[in-house]
PDB file of N, CA and C in Angstrom:
ATOM      1  N   MET A   1      23.981  61.573 -30.382  1.00  0.00           N
ATOM      2  CA  MET A   1      25.382  61.292 -30.693  1.00  0.00           C
ATOM      3  C   MET A   1      26.177  62.592 -30.643  1.00  0.00           C
ATOM      4  N   ALA A   2      27.274  62.569 -29.933  1.00  0.00           N
ATOM      5  CA  ALA A   2      28.125  63.742 -29.798  1.00  0.00           C
ATOM      6  C   ALA A   2      28.931  63.955 -31.080  1.00  0.00           C
ATOM      7  N   ASP A   3      29.287  65.209 -31.343  1.00  0.00           N
ATOM      8  CA  ASP A   3      30.134  65.518 -32.493  1.00  0.00           C
ATOM      9  C   ASP A   3      31.507  64.906 -32.280  1.00  0.00           C
ATOM     10  N   VAL A   4      32.167  64.582 -33.369  1.00  0.00           N
ATOM     11  CA  VAL A   4      33.498  63.986 -33.301  1.00  0.00           C
ATOM     12  C   VAL A   4      34.470  64.892 -34.051  1.00  0.00           C
ATOM     13  N   TYR A   5      35.567  65.242 -33.375  1.00  0.00           N
ATOM     14  CA  TYR A   5      36.604  66.076 -33.978  1.00  0.00           C
ATOM     15  C   TYR A   5      37.918  65.314 -33.961  1.00  0.00           C
ATOM     16  N   ARG A   6      38.757  65.595 -34.955  1.00  0.00           N
ATOM     17  CA  ARG A   6      40.083  64.997 -34.978  1.00  0.00           C
ATOM     18  C   ARG A   6      40.995  65.780 -34.050  1.00  0.00           C
ATOM     19  N   TRP A   7      42.117  65.161 -33.721  1.00  0.00           N
ATOM     20  CA  TRP A   7      43.111  65.722 -32.817  1.00  0.00           C
ATOM     21  C   TRP A   7      43.486  67.147 -33.226  1.00  0.00           C
ATOM     22  N   ARG A   8      43.450  68.074 -32.283  1.00  0.00           N
ATOM     23  CA  ARG A   8      43.808  69.484 -32.444  1.00  0.00           C
ATOM     24  C   ARG A   8      42.872  70.280 -33.344  1.00  0.00           C
ATOM     25  N   LEU A   9      41.710  69.746 -33.660  1.00  0.00           N
ATOM     26  CA  LEU A   9      40.777  70.451 -34.533  1.00  0.00           C
ATOM     27  C   LEU A   9      39.452  70.779 -33.850  1.00  0.00           C
ATOM     28  N   ALA A  10      39.410  70.714 -32.554  1.00  0.00           N
ATOM     29  CA  ALA A  10      38.182  71.038 -31.827  1.00  0.00           C
ATOM     30  C   ALA A  10      37.988  72.548 -31.813  1.00  0.00           C
ATOM     31  N   PRO A  11      36.747  73.018 -31.895  1.00  0.00           N
ATOM     32  CA  PRO A  11      36.501  74.455 -31.882  1.00  0.00           C
ATOM     33  C   PRO A  11      36.746  75.064 -30.500  1.00  0.00           C
ATOM     34  N   ASP A  12      36.908  76.367 -30.470  1.00  0.00           N
ATOM     35  CA  ASP A  12      37.077  77.078 -29.200  1.00  0.00           C
ATOM     36  C   ASP A  12      35.795  76.951 -28.384  1.00  0.00           C
ATOM     37  N   GLY A  13      35.938  77.023 -27.083  1.00  0.00           N
ATOM     38  CA  GLY A  13      34.788  76.921 -26.207  1.00  0.00           C
ATOM     39  C   GLY A  13      34.536  75.518 -25.693  1.00  0.00           C
ATOM     40  N   LEU A  14      35.319  74.533 -26.167  1.00  0.00           N
ATOM     41  CA  LEU A  14      35.212  73.163 -25.679  1.00  0.00           C
ATOM     42  C   LEU A  14      36.518  72.788 -25.005  1.00  0.00           C
ATOM     43  N   ALA A  15      36.429  71.980 -23.948  1.00  0.00           N
ATOM     44  CA  ALA A  15      37.632  71.583 -23.215  1.00  0.00           C
ATOM     45  C   ALA A  15      37.432  70.212 -22.591  1.00  0.00           C
ATOM     46  N   THR A  16      38.549  69.517 -22.367  1.00  0.00           N
ATOM     47  CA  THR A  16      38.520  68.233 -21.676  1.00  0.00           C
ATOM     48  C   THR A  16      38.426  68.491 -20.175  1.00  0.00           C
ATOM     49  N   ARG A  17      38.225  67.429 -19.409  1.00  0.00           N
ATOM     50  CA  ARG A  17      38.184  67.567 -17.943  1.00  0.00           C
ATOM     51  C   ARG A  17      39.483  68.154 -17.408  1.00  0.00           C
ATOM     52  N   ARG A  18      40.592  67.681 -17.947  1.00  0.00           N
ATOM     53  CA  ARG A  18      41.891  68.159 -17.477  1.00  0.00           C
ATOM     54  C   ARG A  18      42.080  69.639 -17.795  1.00  0.00           C
ATOM     55  N   GLN A  19      41.636  70.061 -18.974  1.00  0.00           N
ATOM     56  CA  GLN A  19      41.739  71.472 -19.338  1.00  0.00           C
ATOM     57  C   GLN A  19      40.820  72.323 -18.480  1.00  0.00           C
ATOM     58  N   LEU A  20      39.625  71.807 -18.178  1.00  0.00           N
ATOM     59  CA  LEU A  20      38.718  72.534 -17.284  1.00  0.00           C
ATOM     60  C   LEU A  20      39.345  72.689 -15.909  1.00  0.00           C
ATOM     61  N   ARG A  21      39.961  71.631 -15.415  1.00  0.00           N
ATOM     62  CA  ARG A  21      40.577  71.673 -14.093  1.00  0.00           C
ATOM     63  C   ARG A  21      41.695  72.703 -14.043  1.00  0.00           C
ATOM     64  N   ALA A  22      42.459  72.816 -15.128  1.00  0.00           N
ATOM     65  CA  ALA A  22      43.535  73.810 -15.187  1.00  0.00           C
ATOM     66  C   ALA A  22      42.973  75.229 -15.136  1.00  0.00           C
ATOM     67  N   LEU A  23      41.730  75.402 -15.574  1.00  0.00           N
ATOM     68  CA  LEU A  23      41.072  76.705 -15.519  1.00  0.00           C
ATOM     69  C   LEU A  23      40.327  76.919 -14.203  1.00  0.00           C
ATOM     70  N   GLY A  24      40.385  75.920 -13.305  1.00  0.00           N
ATOM     71  CA  GLY A  24      39.677  76.017 -12.030  1.00  0.00           C
ATOM     72  C   GLY A  24      38.199  75.712 -12.170  1.00  0.00           C
ATOM     73  N   LEU A  25      37.844  74.900 -13.171  1.00  0.00           N
ATOM     74  CA  LEU A  25      36.448  74.564 -13.436  1.00  0.00           C
ATOM     75  C   LEU A  25      36.227  73.063 -13.399  1.00  0.00           C
ATOM     76  N   ARG A  26      34.950  72.660 -13.405  1.00  0.00           N
ATOM     77  CA  ARG A  26      34.558  71.257 -13.469  1.00  0.00           C
ATOM     78  C   ARG A  26      33.353  71.175 -14.399  1.00  0.00           C
ATOM     79  N   PRO A  27      33.064  69.999 -14.975  1.00  0.00           N
ATOM     80  CA  PRO A  27      31.928  69.898 -15.896  1.00  0.00           C
ATOM     81  C   PRO A  27      30.590  70.283 -15.253  1.00  0.00           C
ATOM     82  N   GLY A  28      30.412  69.995 -13.990  1.00  0.00           N
ATOM     83  CA  GLY A  28      29.205  70.441 -13.303  1.00  0.00           C
ATOM     84  C   GLY A  28      27.940  69.731 -13.735  1.00  0.00           C
ATOM     85  N   GLY A  29      28.022  68.460 -14.099  1.00  0.00           N
ATOM     86  CA  GLY A  29      26.829  67.693 -14.430  1.00  0.00           C
ATOM     87  C   GLY A  29      26.381  67.792 -15.873  1.00  0.00           C
ATOM     88  N   GLN A  30      27.055  68.583 -16.684  1.00  0.00           N
ATOM     89  CA  GLN A  30      26.649  68.692 -18.088  1.00  0.00           C
ATOM     90  C   GLN A  30      27.042  67.438 -18.865  1.00  0.00           C
ATOM     91  N   ASP A  31      26.307  67.160 -19.910  1.00  0.00           N
ATOM     92  CA  ASP A  31      26.597  66.005 -20.746  1.00  0.00           C
ATOM     93  C   ASP A  31      27.791  66.285 -21.646  1.00  0.00           C
ATOM     94  N   VAL A  32      28.381  65.229 -22.165  1.00  0.00           N
ATOM     95  CA  VAL A  32      29.486  65.359 -23.109  1.00  0.00           C
ATOM     96  C   VAL A  32      28.943  65.993 -24.386  1.00  0.00           C
ATOM     97  N   VAL A  33      29.618  67.021 -24.873  1.00  0.00           N
ATOM     98  CA  VAL A  33      29.175  67.735 -26.063  1.00  0.00           C
ATOM     99  C   VAL A  33      29.809  67.142 -27.314  1.00  0.00           C
ATOM    100  N   ALA A  34      31.074  66.731 -27.216  1.00  0.00           N
ATOM    101  CA  ALA A  34      31.784  66.214 -28.382  1.00  0.00           C
ATOM    102  C   ALA A  34      32.883  65.265 -27.933  1.00  0.00           C
ATOM    103  N   GLU A  35      33.428  64.551 -28.913  1.00  0.00           N
ATOM    104  CA  GLU A  35      34.554  63.668 -28.660  1.00  0.00           C
ATOM    105  C   GLU A  35      35.721  64.120 -29.516  1.00  0.00           C
ATOM    106  N   LEU A  36      36.917  63.937 -28.967  1.00  0.00           N
ATOM    107  CA  LEU A  36      38.146  64.259 -29.681  1.00  0.00           C
ATOM    108  C   LEU A  36      38.870  62.950 -29.924  1.00  0.00           C
ATOM    109  N   HIS A  37      39.166  62.634 -31.183  1.00  0.00           N
ATOM    110  CA  HIS A  37      39.824  61.377 -31.515  1.00  0.00           C
ATOM    111  C   HIS A  37      41.248  61.642 -31.951  1.00  0.00           C
ATOM    112  N   ARG A  38      42.177  60.934 -31.339  1.00  0.00           N
ATOM    113  CA  ARG A  38      43.586  61.014 -31.721  1.00  0.00           C
ATOM    114  C   ARG A  38      43.944  59.680 -32.367  1.00  0.00           C
ATOM    115  N   PRO A  39      44.219  59.698 -33.668  1.00  0.00           N
ATOM    116  CA  PRO A  39      44.511  58.427 -34.344  1.00  0.00           C
ATOM    117  C   PRO A  39      45.835  57.827 -33.897  1.00  0.00           C
ATOM    118  N   ARG A  40      45.874  56.476 -33.917  1.00  0.00           N
ATOM    119  CA  ARG A  40      47.101  55.739 -33.604  1.00  0.00           C
ATOM    120  C   ARG A  40      47.291  54.661 -34.647  1.00  0.00           C
ATOM    121  N   ARG A  41      48.513  54.282 -34.876  1.00  0.00           N
ATOM    122  CA  ARG A  41      48.793  53.220 -35.846  1.00  0.00           C
ATOM    123  C   ARG A  41      48.362  51.863 -35.293  1.00  0.00           C
ATOM    124  N   ARG A  42      47.648  51.117 -36.074  1.00  0.00           N
ATOM    125  CA  ARG A  42      47.242  49.748 -35.769  1.00  0.00           C
ATOM    126  C   ARG A  42      46.463  49.582 -34.466  1.00  0.00           C
ATOM    127  N   LYS A  43      45.931  50.656 -33.941  1.00  0.00           N
ATOM    128  CA  LYS A  43      45.136  50.587 -32.712  1.00  0.00           C
ATOM    129  C   LYS A  43      43.926  51.496 -32.858  1.00  0.00           C
ATOM    130  N   ALA A  44      42.983  51.307 -31.982  1.00  0.00           N
ATOM    131  CA  ALA A  44      41.824  52.193 -31.956  1.00  0.00           C
ATOM    132  C   ALA A  44      42.279  53.590 -31.531  1.00  0.00           C
ATOM    133  N   PRO A  45      41.600  54.629 -31.988  1.00  0.00           N
ATOM    134  CA  PRO A  45      42.033  55.986 -31.622  1.00  0.00           C
ATOM    135  C   PRO A  45      41.807  56.267 -30.135  1.00  0.00           C
ATOM    136  N   LEU A  46      42.631  57.151 -29.588  1.00  0.00           N
ATOM    137  CA  LEU A  46      42.412  57.628 -28.232  1.00  0.00           C
ATOM    138  C   LEU A  46      41.237  58.597 -28.258  1.00  0.00           C
ATOM    139  N   VAL A  47      40.387  58.526 -27.268  1.00  0.00           N
ATOM    140  CA  VAL A  47      39.190  59.354 -27.243  1.00  0.00           C
ATOM    141  C   VAL A  47      39.217  60.235 -25.994  1.00  0.00           C
ATOM    142  N   ALA A  48      38.939  61.519 -26.189  1.00  0.00           N
ATOM    143  CA  ALA A  48      38.793  62.453 -25.074  1.00  0.00           C
ATOM    144  C   ALA A  48      37.412  63.091 -25.190  1.00  0.00           C
ATOM    145  N   TYR A  49      36.740  63.240 -24.082  1.00  0.00           N
ATOM    146  CA  TYR A  49      35.413  63.832 -24.086  1.00  0.00           C
ATOM    147  C   TYR A  49      35.533  65.329 -23.847  1.00  0.00           C
ATOM    148  N   LEU A  50      34.736  66.097 -24.584  1.00  0.00           N
ATOM    149  CA  LEU A  50      34.790  67.554 -24.511  1.00  0.00           C
ATOM    150  C   LEU A  50      33.519  68.106 -23.881  1.00  0.00           C
ATOM    151  N   TYR A  51      33.690  69.158 -23.084  1.00  0.00           N
ATOM    152  CA  TYR A  51      32.594  69.827 -22.397  1.00  0.00           C
ATOM    153  C   TYR A  51      32.617  71.307 -22.757  1.00  0.00           C
ATOM    154  N   ARG A  52      31.475  71.957 -22.636  1.00  0.00           N
ATOM    155  CA  ARG A  52      31.397  73.390 -22.914  1.00  0.00           C
ATOM    156  C   ARG A  52      31.980  74.167 -21.738  1.00  0.00           C
ATOM    157  N   VAL A  53      32.855  75.102 -22.051  1.00  0.00           N
ATOM    158  CA  VAL A  53      33.506  75.901 -21.005  1.00  0.00           C
ATOM    159  C   VAL A  53      32.510  76.876 -20.385  1.00  0.00           C
ATOM    160  N   ASP A  54      31.599  77.420 -21.180  1.00  0.00           N
ATOM    161  CA  ASP A  54      30.658  78.418 -20.649  1.00  0.00           C
ATOM    162  C   ASP A  54      29.641  77.804 -19.684  1.00  0.00           C
ATOM    163  N   ARG A  55      29.416  76.499 -19.750  1.00  0.00           N
ATOM    164  CA  ARG A  55      28.500  75.827 -18.818  1.00  0.00           C
ATOM    165  C   ARG A  55      29.220  75.230 -17.611  1.00  0.00           C
ATOM    166  N   ALA A  56      30.528  75.251 -17.602  1.00  0.00           N
ATOM    167  CA  ALA A  56      31.293  74.647 -16.507  1.00  0.00           C
ATOM    168  C   ALA A  56      31.123  75.459 -15.228  1.00  0.00           C
ATOM    169  N   LYS A  57      31.234  74.768 -14.108  1.00  0.00           N
ATOM    170  CA  LYS A  57      31.089  75.404 -12.799  1.00  0.00           C
ATOM    171  C   LYS A  57      32.447  75.456 -12.106  1.00  0.00           C
ATOM    172  N   PRO A  58      32.602  76.363 -11.150  1.00  0.00           N
ATOM    173  CA  PRO A  58      33.881  76.416 -10.425  1.00  0.00           C
ATOM    174  C   PRO A  58      34.105  75.147  -9.599  1.00  0.00           C
ATOM    175  N   VAL A  59      35.362  74.811  -9.394  1.00  0.00           N
ATOM    176  CA  VAL A  59      35.729  73.664  -8.570  1.00  0.00           C
ATOM    177  C   VAL A  59      35.301  73.938  -7.137  1.00  0.00           C
ATOM    178  N   ARG A  60      34.771  72.912  -6.492  1.00  0.00           N
ATOM    179  CA  ARG A  60      34.369  73.083  -5.095  1.00  0.00           C
ATOM    180  C   ARG A  60      35.604  73.303  -4.229  1.00  0.00           C
ATOM    181  N   PRO A  61      35.522  74.219  -3.269  1.00  0.00           N
ATOM    182  CA  PRO A  61      36.692  74.469  -2.421  1.00  0.00           C
ATOM    183  C   PRO A  61      36.961  73.301  -1.477  1.00  0.00           C
ATOM    184  N   MET A  62      38.218  73.172  -1.090  1.00  0.00           N
ATOM    185  CA  MET A  62      38.631  72.111  -0.176  1.00  0.00           C
ATOM    186  C   MET A  62      38.188  72.495   1.242  1.00  0.00           C
ATOM    187  N   THR A  63      37.413  71.621   1.883  1.00  0.00           N
ATOM    188  CA  THR A  63      36.954  71.892   3.237  1.00  0.00           C
ATOM    189  C   THR A  63      37.959  71.311   4.233  1.00  0.00           C
ATOM    190  N   PRO A  64      37.924  71.766   5.476  1.00  0.00           N
ATOM    191  CA  PRO A  64      38.825  71.197   6.480  1.00  0.00           C
ATOM    192  C   PRO A  64      38.643  69.681   6.652  1.00  0.00           C
ATOM    193  N   ALA A  65      37.421  69.189   6.550  1.00  0.00           N
ATOM    194  CA  ALA A  65      37.180  67.751   6.706  1.00  0.00           C
ATOM    195  C   ALA A  65      37.792  66.970   5.540  1.00  0.00           C
ATOM    196  N   ARG A  66      37.662  67.483   4.310  1.00  0.00           N
ATOM    197  CA  ARG A  66      38.260  66.818   3.157  1.00  0.00           C
ATOM    198  C   ARG A  66      39.775  66.855   3.242  1.00  0.00           C
ATOM    199  N   THR A  67      40.337  67.959   3.733  1.00  0.00           N
ATOM    200  CA  THR A  67      41.785  68.060   3.902  1.00  0.00           C
ATOM    201  C   THR A  67      42.281  67.037   4.915  1.00  0.00           C
ATOM    202  N   ALA A  68      41.558  66.885   6.021  1.00  0.00           N
ATOM    203  CA  ALA A  68      41.941  65.915   7.048  1.00  0.00           C
ATOM    204  C   ALA A  68      41.818  64.486   6.521  1.00  0.00           C
ATOM    205  N   ALA A  69      40.768  64.196   5.764  1.00  0.00           N
ATOM    206  CA  ALA A  69      40.591  62.856   5.209  1.00  0.00           C
ATOM    207  C   ALA A  69      41.698  62.528   4.208  1.00  0.00           C
ATOM    208  N   LEU A  70      42.074  63.488   3.393  1.00  0.00           N
ATOM    209  CA  LEU A  70      43.153  63.271   2.432  1.00  0.00           C
ATOM    210  C   LEU A  70      44.484  63.054   3.142  1.00  0.00           C
ATOM    211  N   ALA A  71      44.739  63.820   4.192  1.00  0.00           N
ATOM    212  CA  ALA A  71      45.977  63.647   4.959  1.00  0.00           C
ATOM    213  C   ALA A  71      46.024  62.268   5.615  1.00  0.00           C
ATOM    214  N   ALA A  72      44.904  61.792   6.140  1.00  0.00           N
ATOM    215  CA  ALA A  72      44.856  60.469   6.767  1.00  0.00           C
ATOM    216  C   ALA A  72      45.073  59.366   5.737  1.00  0.00           C
ATOM    217  N   ALA A  73      44.503  59.522   4.555  1.00  0.00           N
ATOM    218  CA  ALA A  73      44.679  58.515   3.503  1.00  0.00           C
ATOM    219  C   ALA A  73      46.137  58.463   3.044  1.00  0.00           C
ATOM    220  N   MET A  74      46.779  59.608   2.915  1.00  0.00           N
ATOM    221  CA  MET A  74      48.177  59.632   2.488  1.00  0.00           C
ATOM    222  C   MET A  74      49.086  59.060   3.571  1.00  0.00           C
ATOM    223  N   LEU A  75      48.773  59.311   4.843  1.00  0.00           N
ATOM    224  CA  LEU A  75      49.552  58.722   5.930  1.00  0.00           C
ATOM    225  C   LEU A  75      49.448  57.200   5.912  1.00  0.00           C
ATOM    226  N   ALA A  76      48.258  56.688   5.615  1.00  0.00           N
ATOM    227  CA  ALA A  76      48.075  55.237   5.533  1.00  0.00           C
ATOM    228  C   ALA A  76      48.890  54.644   4.387  1.00  0.00           C
ATOM    229  N   ARG A  77      49.020  55.374   3.284  1.00  0.00           N
ATOM    230  CA  ARG A  77      49.812  54.875   2.151  1.00  0.00           C
ATOM    231  C   ARG A  77      51.309  54.910   2.450  1.00  0.00           C
ATOM    232  N   ARG A  78      51.743  55.797   3.367  1.00  0.00           N
ATOM    233  CA  ARG A  78      53.163  55.918   3.702  1.00  0.00           C
ATOM    234  C   ARG A  78      53.579  55.019   4.857  1.00  0.00           C
ATOM    235  N   THR A  79      52.634  54.485   5.626  1.00  0.00           N
ATOM    236  CA  THR A  79      52.947  53.681   6.807  1.00  0.00           C
ATOM    237  C   THR A  79      53.204  52.231   6.402  1.00  0.00           C
ATOM    238  N   CYS A  80      54.359  51.717   6.802  1.00  0.00           N
ATOM    239  CA  CYS A  80      54.735  50.337   6.495  1.00  0.00           C
ATOM    240  C   CYS A  80      53.949  49.398   7.408  1.00  0.00           C
ATOM    241  N   PRO A  81      53.273  48.389   6.853  1.00  0.00           N
ATOM    242  CA  PRO A  81      52.526  47.461   7.700  1.00  0.00           C
ATOM    243  C   PRO A  81      53.436  46.533   8.504  1.00  0.00           C
ATOM    244  N   ASN A  82      54.700  46.424   8.117  1.00  0.00           N
ATOM    245  CA  ASN A  82      55.629  45.533   8.793  1.00  0.00           C
ATOM    246  C   ASN A  82      56.240  46.198  10.033  1.00  0.00           C
ATOM    247  N   CYS A  83      56.833  47.365   9.860  1.00  0.00           N
ATOM    248  CA  CYS A  83      57.507  48.034  10.980  1.00  0.00           C
ATOM    249  C   CYS A  83      56.686  49.180  11.573  1.00  0.00           C
ATOM    250  N   ARG A  84      55.539  49.481  10.987  1.00  0.00           N
ATOM    251  CA  ARG A  84      54.615  50.509  11.486  1.00  0.00           C
ATOM    252  C   ARG A  84      55.237  51.899  11.590  1.00  0.00           C
ATOM    253  N   THR A  85      56.183  52.236  10.711  1.00  0.00           N
ATOM    254  CA  THR A  85      56.764  53.583  10.706  1.00  0.00           C
ATOM    255  C   THR A  85      56.361  54.296   9.423  1.00  0.00           C
ATOM    256  N   ASP A  86      56.419  55.636   9.480  1.00  0.00           N
ATOM    257  CA  ASP A  86      56.149  56.458   8.306  1.00  0.00           C
ATOM    258  C   ASP A  86      57.396  56.427   7.436  1.00  0.00           C
ATOM    259  N   ALA A  87      57.304  55.839   6.251  1.00  0.00           N
ATOM    260  CA  ALA A  87      58.461  55.682   5.374  1.00  0.00           C
ATOM    261  C   ALA A  87      58.857  56.994   4.707  1.00  0.00           C
ATOM    262  N   GLY A  88      57.965  57.979   4.677  1.00  0.00           N
ATOM    263  CA  GLY A  88      58.268  59.244   4.028  1.00  0.00           C
ATOM    264  C   GLY A  88      57.952  59.230   2.546  1.00  0.00           C
ATOM    265  N   TYR A  89      57.464  58.105   2.031  1.00  0.00           N
ATOM    266  CA  TYR A  89      57.062  57.959   0.634  1.00  0.00           C
ATOM    267  C   TYR A  89      55.933  56.937   0.592  1.00  0.00           C
ATOM    268  N   CYS A  90      55.207  56.900  -0.491  1.00  0.00           N
ATOM    269  CA  CYS A  90      54.135  55.918  -0.630  1.00  0.00           C
ATOM    270  C   CYS A  90      54.743  54.530  -0.796  1.00  0.00           C
ATOM    271  N   ILE A  91      54.280  53.592   0.018  1.00  0.00           N
ATOM    272  CA  ILE A  91      54.786  52.222  -0.008  1.00  0.00           C
ATOM    273  C   ILE A  91      54.428  51.591  -1.357  1.00  0.00           C
ATOM    274  N   PRO A  92      55.394  51.012  -2.076  1.00  0.00           N
ATOM    275  CA  PRO A  92      55.071  50.359  -3.345  1.00  0.00           C
ATOM    276  C   PRO A  92      54.152  49.164  -3.116  1.00  0.00           C
ATOM    277  N   ARG A  93      53.086  49.088  -3.891  1.00  0.00           N
ATOM    278  CA  ARG A  93      52.152  47.971  -3.750  1.00  0.00           C
ATOM    279  C   ARG A  93      52.808  46.661  -4.158  1.00  0.00           C
ATOM    280  N   SER A  94      53.789  46.737  -5.043  1.00  0.00           N
ATOM    281  CA  SER A  94      54.458  45.514  -5.479  1.00  0.00           C
ATOM    282  C   SER A  94      55.264  44.886  -4.345  1.00  0.00           C
ATOM    283  N   LEU A  95      55.754  45.715  -3.412  1.00  0.00           N
ATOM    284  CA  LEU A  95      56.525  45.187  -2.287  1.00  0.00           C
ATOM    285  C   LEU A  95      55.641  44.879  -1.086  1.00  0.00           C
ATOM    286  N   GLY A  96      54.651  45.723  -0.850  1.00  0.00           N
ATOM    287  CA  GLY A  96      53.766  45.528   0.294  1.00  0.00           C
ATOM    288  C   GLY A  96      54.358  45.989   1.604  1.00  0.00           C
ATOM    289  N   MET A  97      55.562  46.540   1.583  1.00  0.00           N
ATOM    290  CA  MET A  97      56.230  47.055   2.784  1.00  0.00           C
ATOM    291  C   MET A  97      57.276  48.063   2.331  1.00  0.00           C
ATOM    292  N   CYS A  98      57.871  48.757   3.289  1.00  0.00           N
ATOM    293  CA  CYS A  98      58.890  49.744   2.926  1.00  0.00           C
ATOM    294  C   CYS A  98      60.123  49.026   2.366  1.00  0.00           C
ATOM    295  N   VAL A  99      60.935  49.766   1.646  1.00  0.00           N
ATOM    296  CA  VAL A  99      62.103  49.171   1.001  1.00  0.00           C
ATOM    297  C   VAL A  99      63.084  48.629   2.043  1.00  0.00           C
ATOM    298  N   THR A 100      63.211  49.304   3.185  1.00  0.00           N
ATOM    299  CA  THR A 100      64.124  48.842   4.247  1.00  0.00           C
ATOM    300  C   THR A 100      63.695  47.467   4.764  1.00  0.00           C
ATOM    301  N   CYS A 101      62.398  47.288   5.028  1.00  0.00           N
ATOM    302  CA  CYS A 101      61.917  45.988   5.500  1.00  0.00           C
ATOM    303  C   CYS A 101      62.064  44.932   4.405  1.00  0.00           C
ATOM    304  N   HIS A 102      61.823  45.301   3.181  1.00  0.00           N
ATOM    305  CA  HIS A 102      61.917  44.348   2.086  1.00  0.00           C
ATOM    306  C   HIS A 102      63.347  43.875   1.864  1.00  0.00           C
ATOM    307  N   ASP A 103      64.303  44.802   2.003  1.00  0.00           N
ATOM    308  CA  ASP A 103      65.714  44.458   1.754  1.00  0.00           C
ATOM    309  C   ASP A 103      66.410  43.815   2.950  1.00  0.00           C
ATOM    310  N   ALA A 104      65.767  43.871   4.130  1.00  0.00           N
ATOM    311  CA  ALA A 104      66.376  43.293   5.323  1.00  0.00           C
ATOM    312  C   ALA A 104      66.427  41.784   5.187  1.00  0.00           C
ATOM    313  N   PRO A 105      67.561  41.181   5.585  1.00  0.00           N
ATOM    314  CA  PRO A 105      67.640  39.710   5.494  1.00  0.00           C
ATOM    315  C   PRO A 105      66.670  39.057   6.473  1.00  0.00           C
ATOM    316  N   THR A 106      66.030  38.010   6.035  1.00  0.00           N
ATOM    317  CA  THR A 106      65.115  37.277   6.920  1.00  0.00           C
ATOM    318  C   THR A 106      65.900  36.227   7.685  1.00  0.00           C
ATOM    319  N   PRO A 107      65.624  36.064   8.971  1.00  0.00           N
ATOM    320  CA  PRO A 107      66.362  35.058   9.757  1.00  0.00           C
ATOM    321  C   PRO A 107      65.968  33.658   9.280  1.00  0.00           C
ATOM    322  N   SER A 108      66.980  32.838   9.058  1.00  0.00           N
ATOM    323  CA  SER A 108      66.718  31.461   8.613  1.00  0.00           C
ATOM    324  C   SER A 108      66.417  30.589   9.814  1.00  0.00           C
ATOM    325  N   SER A 109      65.475  29.712   9.644  1.00  0.00           N
ATOM    326  CA  SER A 109      65.124  28.807  10.754  1.00  0.00           C
ATOM    327  C   SER A 109      66.021  27.567  10.668  1.00  0.00           C
ATOM    328  N   SER A 110      66.638  27.199  11.794  1.00  0.00           N
ATOM    329  CA  SER A 110      67.552  26.051  11.818  1.00  0.00           C
ATOM    330  C   SER A 110      66.962  24.907  12.574  1.00  0.00           C
TER     331      SER A 110
END
């Protein structure tokens, strides 16, 4: 069982994933050392997992292949399936197409 600390009372040398990332580190396969609980009214507490900073490993560098794959994935999110153009922003999933196609009047069948 991991140690449990209340919000803002964790000892030095422990960090969340987000804090490790800000330091250019990653957990690197280590187990969770402790939990941080943030109490909330009438709800279960928010839980954050803590890792040891001294055991963390550096973030893996971005390779050209990973950069190309990320660029292709982002292009797919920006391409409207209706008009097949790059909208310049990520297409909202709620609309399923770019805002221009969504707002365009549909021809009525007579």
